[in-house]
C-alpha atoms as a PDB file:
ATOM      1  CA  MET A   1      22.907  -4.666  -4.569  1.00  0.00           C
ATOM      2  CA  LYS A   2      24.543  -3.279  -7.871  1.00  0.00           C
ATOM      3  CA  THR A   3      22.138  -5.002 -10.065  1.00  0.00           C
ATOM      4  CA  GLY A   4      19.201  -4.224  -8.267  1.00  0.00           C
ATOM      5  CA  VAL A   5      20.131  -0.715  -8.511  1.00  0.00           C
ATOM      6  CA  LEU A   6      20.769  -0.990 -12.531  1.00  0.00           C
ATOM      7  CA  VAL A   7      17.189  -2.873 -12.762  1.00  0.00           C
ATOM      8  CA  ALA A   8      15.479  -0.228 -11.180  1.00  0.00           C
ATOM      9  CA  LEU A   9      17.033   3.102 -13.255  1.00  0.00           C
ATOM     10  CA  ALA A  10      16.561   0.645 -16.032  1.00  0.00           C
ATOM     11  CA  LEU A  11      12.695   0.373 -15.116  1.00  0.00           C
ATOM     12  CA  VAL A  12      12.552   4.302 -14.428  1.00  0.00           C
ATOM     13  CA  PHE A  13      14.248   4.627 -17.708  1.00  0.00           C
ATOM     14  CA  LEU A  14      11.789   2.460 -19.890  1.00  0.00           C
ATOM     15  CA  VAL A  15       9.333   4.155 -18.078  1.00  0.00           C
ATOM     16  CA  SER A  16      10.080   7.530 -18.837  1.00  0.00           C
ATOM     17  CA  LEU A  17      10.409   7.228 -22.544  1.00  0.00           C
ATOM     18  CA  THR A  18       6.248   6.077 -22.547  1.00  0.00           C
ATOM     19  CA  PRO A  19       4.124   9.126 -23.869  1.00  0.00           C
ATOM     20  CA  LEU A  20       1.430   9.953 -21.184  1.00  0.00           C
ATOM     21  CA  GLN A  21      -1.617  11.112 -23.376  1.00  0.00           C
ATOM     22  CA  ALA A  22      -4.554  12.536 -22.479  1.00  0.00           C
ATOM     23  CA  GLN A  23      -8.354  10.590 -23.203  1.00  0.00           C
ATOM     24  CA  SER A  24      -9.818  12.427 -25.957  1.00  0.00           C
ATOM     25  CA  ALA A  25     -13.004  13.739 -25.367  1.00  0.00           C
ATOM     26  CA  SER A  26     -15.482  11.954 -26.976  1.00  0.00           C
ATOM     27  CA  THR A  27     -19.105  13.088 -27.716  1.00  0.00           C
ATOM     28  CA  ALA A  28     -21.843  11.374 -24.995  1.00  0.00           C
ATOM     29  CA  ALA A  29     -24.762  10.122 -27.119  1.00  0.00           C
ATOM     30  CA  VAL A  30     -28.587  11.336 -25.771  1.00  0.00           C
ATOM     31  CA  GLY A  31     -29.427   8.303 -23.595  1.00  0.00           C
ATOM     32  CA  SER A  32     -25.829   7.859 -22.115  1.00  0.00           C
ATOM     33  CA  VAL A  33     -26.419  10.151 -19.297  1.00  0.00           C
ATOM     34  CA  PRO A  34     -28.027   8.393 -15.902  1.00  0.00           C
ATOM     35  CA  GLU A  35     -31.350   9.061 -15.084  1.00  0.00           C
ATOM     36  CA  PRO A  36     -31.743  10.681 -11.295  1.00  0.00           C
ATOM     37  CA  TYR A  37     -33.854   8.102  -9.016  1.00  0.00           C
ATOM     38  CA  THR A  38     -37.366   8.374  -8.660  1.00  0.00           C
ATOM     39  CA  ALA A  39     -39.664   8.447  -4.985  1.00  0.00           C
ATOM     40  CA  ASP A  40     -40.664   4.820  -6.488  1.00  0.00           C
ATOM     41  CA  GLU A  41     -37.447   2.716  -6.885  1.00  0.00           C
ATOM     42  CA  PHE A  42     -36.415   1.479  -4.213  1.00  0.00           C
ATOM     43  CA  PRO A  43     -38.541  -0.305  -1.127  1.00  0.00           C
ATOM     44  CA  SER A  44     -39.547   2.350   1.888  1.00  0.00           C
ATOM     45  CA  TRP A  45     -37.580  -0.423   3.944  1.00  0.00           C
ATOM     46  CA  ALA A  46     -34.319  -0.562   2.113  1.00  0.00           C
ATOM     47  CA  ILE A  47     -34.775   3.717   2.683  1.00  0.00           C
ATOM     48  CA  GLY A  48     -35.150   3.119   6.020  1.00  0.00           C
ATOM     49  CA  VAL A  49     -32.578   0.183   6.324  1.00  0.00           C
ATOM     50  CA  ARG A  50     -29.688   3.101   4.823  1.00  0.00           C
ATOM     51  CA  ARG A  51     -31.041   6.175   7.237  1.00  0.00           C
ATOM     52  CA  PHE A  52     -30.791   3.784   9.619  1.00  0.00           C
ATOM     53  CA  GLU A  53     -26.941   3.129   8.364  1.00  0.00           C
ATOM     54  CA  ILE A  54     -25.678   6.363   7.822  1.00  0.00           C
ATOM     55  CA  ILE A  55     -26.573   7.466  11.196  1.00  0.00           C
ATOM     56  CA  SER A  56     -24.871   4.841  13.353  1.00  0.00           C
ATOM     57  CA  LEU A  57     -22.001   4.856  11.139  1.00  0.00           C
ATOM     58  CA  GLY A  58     -21.589   8.418  10.921  1.00  0.00           C
ATOM     59  CA  ALA A  59     -22.476   9.007  14.746  1.00  0.00           C
ATOM     60  CA  PHE A  60     -20.024   6.166  16.003  1.00  0.00           C
ATOM     61  CA  PRO A  61     -16.618   8.112  16.027  1.00  0.00           C
ATOM     62  CA  ILE A  62     -18.465  11.099  17.777  1.00  0.00           C
ATOM     63  CA  LEU A  63     -19.760   9.042  19.797  1.00  0.00           C
ATOM     64  CA  LEU A  64     -16.646   6.824  20.953  1.00  0.00           C
ATOM     65  CA  PHE A  65     -15.077   9.942  21.294  1.00  0.00           C
ATOM     66  CA  TYR A  66     -17.274  10.700  24.256  1.00  0.00           C
ATOM     67  CA  ALA A  67     -16.916   7.852  25.168  1.00  0.00           C
ATOM     68  CA  ARG A  68     -13.544   7.930  25.973  1.00  0.00           C
ATOM     69  CA  VAL A  69     -13.100  11.361  27.059  1.00  0.00           C
ATOM     70  CA  GLY A  70     -16.265  10.016  29.787  1.00  0.00           C
ATOM     71  CA  TYR A  71     -13.918   6.780  30.660  1.00  0.00           C
ATOM     72  CA  ASP A  72     -11.088   9.264  31.218  1.00  0.00           C
ATOM     73  CA  LEU A  73     -13.253  11.443  33.653  1.00  0.00           C
ATOM     74  CA  GLN A  74     -14.259   8.321  35.817  1.00  0.00           C
ATOM     75  CA  ARG A  75     -10.957   6.978  36.354  1.00  0.00           C
ATOM     76  CA  TYR A  76      -9.468   9.881  37.248  1.00  0.00           C
ATOM     77  CA  VAL A  77     -12.648  10.987  39.788  1.00  0.00           C
ATOM     78  CA  THR A  78     -12.875   7.450  40.811  1.00  0.00           C
ATOM     79  CA  ASN A  79      -8.793   7.516  41.808  1.00  0.00           C
ATOM     80  CA  ASP A  80      -9.176  10.524  43.992  1.00  0.00           C
ATOM     81  CA  PHE A  81      -7.748  13.461  41.008  1.00  0.00           C
ATOM     82  CA  ASN A  82      -4.403  11.474  41.002  1.00  0.00           C
ATOM     83  CA  ALA A  83      -2.461  13.441  38.453  1.00  0.00           C
ATOM     84  CA  ILE A  84      -1.223  10.401  36.617  1.00  0.00           C
ATOM     85  CA  TYR A  85      -5.549   9.392  36.085  1.00  0.00           C
ATOM     86  CA  ALA A  86      -5.743  12.882  34.085  1.00  0.00           C
ATOM     87  CA  PRO A  87      -8.197  13.061  31.403  1.00  0.00           C
ATOM     88  CA  TRP A  88      -7.584  13.271  27.854  1.00  0.00           C
ATOM     89  CA  PRO A  89      -6.735  17.012  27.408  1.00  0.00           C
ATOM     90  CA  PHE A  90      -3.856  17.163  30.301  1.00  0.00           C
ATOM     91  CA  LYS A  91      -2.462  13.623  29.805  1.00  0.00           C
ATOM     92  CA  ASN A  92       1.603  13.232  28.771  1.00  0.00           C
ATOM     93  CA  GLU A  93       3.630  10.803  28.687  1.00  0.00           C
ATOM     94  CA  SER A  94       4.317   9.613  32.211  1.00  0.00           C
ATOM     95  CA  SER A  95       0.086   9.087  32.365  1.00  0.00           C
ATOM     96  CA  TYR A  96      -1.942   6.164  32.774  1.00  0.00           C
ATOM     97  CA  ILE A  97      -2.313   3.528  29.682  1.00  0.00           C
ATOM     98  CA  PRO A  98      -5.517   2.272  29.461  1.00  0.00           C
ATOM     99  CA  ALA A  99      -5.578  -2.064  29.089  1.00  0.00           C
ATOM    100  CA  THR A 100      -6.995  -3.084  25.942  1.00  0.00           C
ATOM    101  CA  GLU A 101     -10.162  -4.892  28.055  1.00  0.00           C
ATOM    102  CA  GLU A 102     -10.485  -1.025  28.474  1.00  0.00           C
ATOM    103  CA  GLN A 103      -9.778   0.491  25.104  1.00  0.00           C
ATOM    104  CA  LEU A 104     -12.546  -2.410  23.860  1.00  0.00           C
ATOM    105  CA  GLN A 105     -15.002  -1.113  26.798  1.00  0.00           C
ATOM    106  CA  SER A 106     -15.705   2.307  25.066  1.00  0.00           C
ATOM    107  CA  VAL A 107     -15.190   0.822  21.950  1.00  0.00           C
ATOM    108  CA  ILE A 108     -18.408  -1.565  22.924  1.00  0.00           C
ATOM    109  CA  THR A 109     -19.976   1.674  24.575  1.00  0.00           C
ATOM    110  CA  ALA A 110     -19.489   4.307  21.584  1.00  0.00           C
ATOM    111  CA  ALA A 111     -21.025   1.532  19.213  1.00  0.00           C
ATOM    112  CA  GLY A 112     -24.054   0.553  21.402  1.00  0.00           C
ATOM    113  CA  LEU A 113     -24.877   4.236  21.312  1.00  0.00           C
ATOM    114  CA  SER A 114     -25.103   4.724  18.059  1.00  0.00           C
ATOM    115  CA  LEU A 115     -27.373   2.170  17.295  1.00  0.00           C
ATOM    116  CA  THR A 116     -29.659   2.841  19.943  1.00  0.00           C
ATOM    117  CA  LEU A 117     -29.467   7.037  18.661  1.00  0.00           C
ATOM    118  CA  ALA A 118     -29.857   4.484  14.936  1.00  0.00           C
ATOM    119  CA  ALA A 119     -32.527   2.979  16.477  1.00  0.00           C
ATOM    120  CA  ILE A 120     -34.552   6.545  18.201  1.00  0.00           C
ATOM    121  CA  ASP A 121     -34.483   8.056  14.666  1.00  0.00           C
ATOM    122  CA  ALA A 122     -35.975   5.154  13.382  1.00  0.00           C
ATOM    123  CA  ILE A 123     -38.657   4.894  15.700  1.00  0.00           C
ATOM    124  CA  LEU A 124     -39.217   8.630  15.640  1.00  0.00           C
ATOM    125  CA  LEU A 125     -39.597   8.290  11.453  1.00  0.00           C
ATOM    126  CA  ALA A 126     -41.982   5.573  11.821  1.00  0.00           C
ATOM    127  CA  ILE A 127     -44.119   7.598  14.321  1.00  0.00           C
ATOM    128  CA  ARG A 128     -43.951  10.537  11.951  1.00  0.00           C
ATOM    129  CA  PRO A 129     -47.279  11.066  10.331  1.00  0.00           C
END
């Protein structure tokens, strides 16, 4: 135990001896600044795939929240408004804890809804003049 503490103290001491220096400012060459992307740099299908990805991944957390609240409300109503099955804002330590299958079902529902939302956006973008 003592050797471990001594080794740790020795390492801290050696690290504290190393000088910390800021990087020196370098003069940037004229051509070192990257150029902005142009409109024709990427094919339109790649831009569409990227937009689909952004919309589906961005909508997923929001739709997961709503899917879980929806499943909580559905469980509460089907169990005759039993306080054990109270939905999310009213849960306490004695509330029902969803099984792994139920949680997986809400995740799959949210994933399906987010893919559907991204597909609707892609269709609307394709038929837009």
